Amino acid sequence: MKSHALAIAALLLVLAGCERTEPTEIELQVGKASHVNGCNVFLHHALAQDPFVADLAYICDVPESFVAEKNWWGPGSQPPASSIYVGECQRFGMKFYCVENINPGVSVKIRATYEATHRRIDHIRPIR
């Protein structure tokens, strides 16, 4: 009986280790939608102005499968785009992703830098 309980405990540890995790670094491509920590994100532009700027739109709590659709945001109106610069951060789900690099006309690299300590989002901590 004891070995049976150990086998079940080992199986639970393996299954917990198989949990899907989001990558900490993501490269968003111009004109494509990506799924980032529970949100669909669309990069409209990556511009070589001074300073470099990216225009992106996002919506959370929609199925990841919508990323491949023309209406990547799902039903309803397309979300508005907003500008973001290198060093600025945007919350996707419970994590804050900061812009590390803008490759004009091509892509934007973001990194999960902070995470909320609880649902109210009024306390964050660095991700190590």
Foldseek 3Di string as FASTA:
>chain_A
DVVVVVVVVVVVVVVVVPDDDFAQKDKAWAQFWQQGQQKIKHWPFFAVDVPTKTKMFMDGDDDRVLRPPPQSNPDDDGGGIDMAGAQDWDDDHQFIWGWHDGDGPTITMIGGFWGAPDDVSPDIDGDD
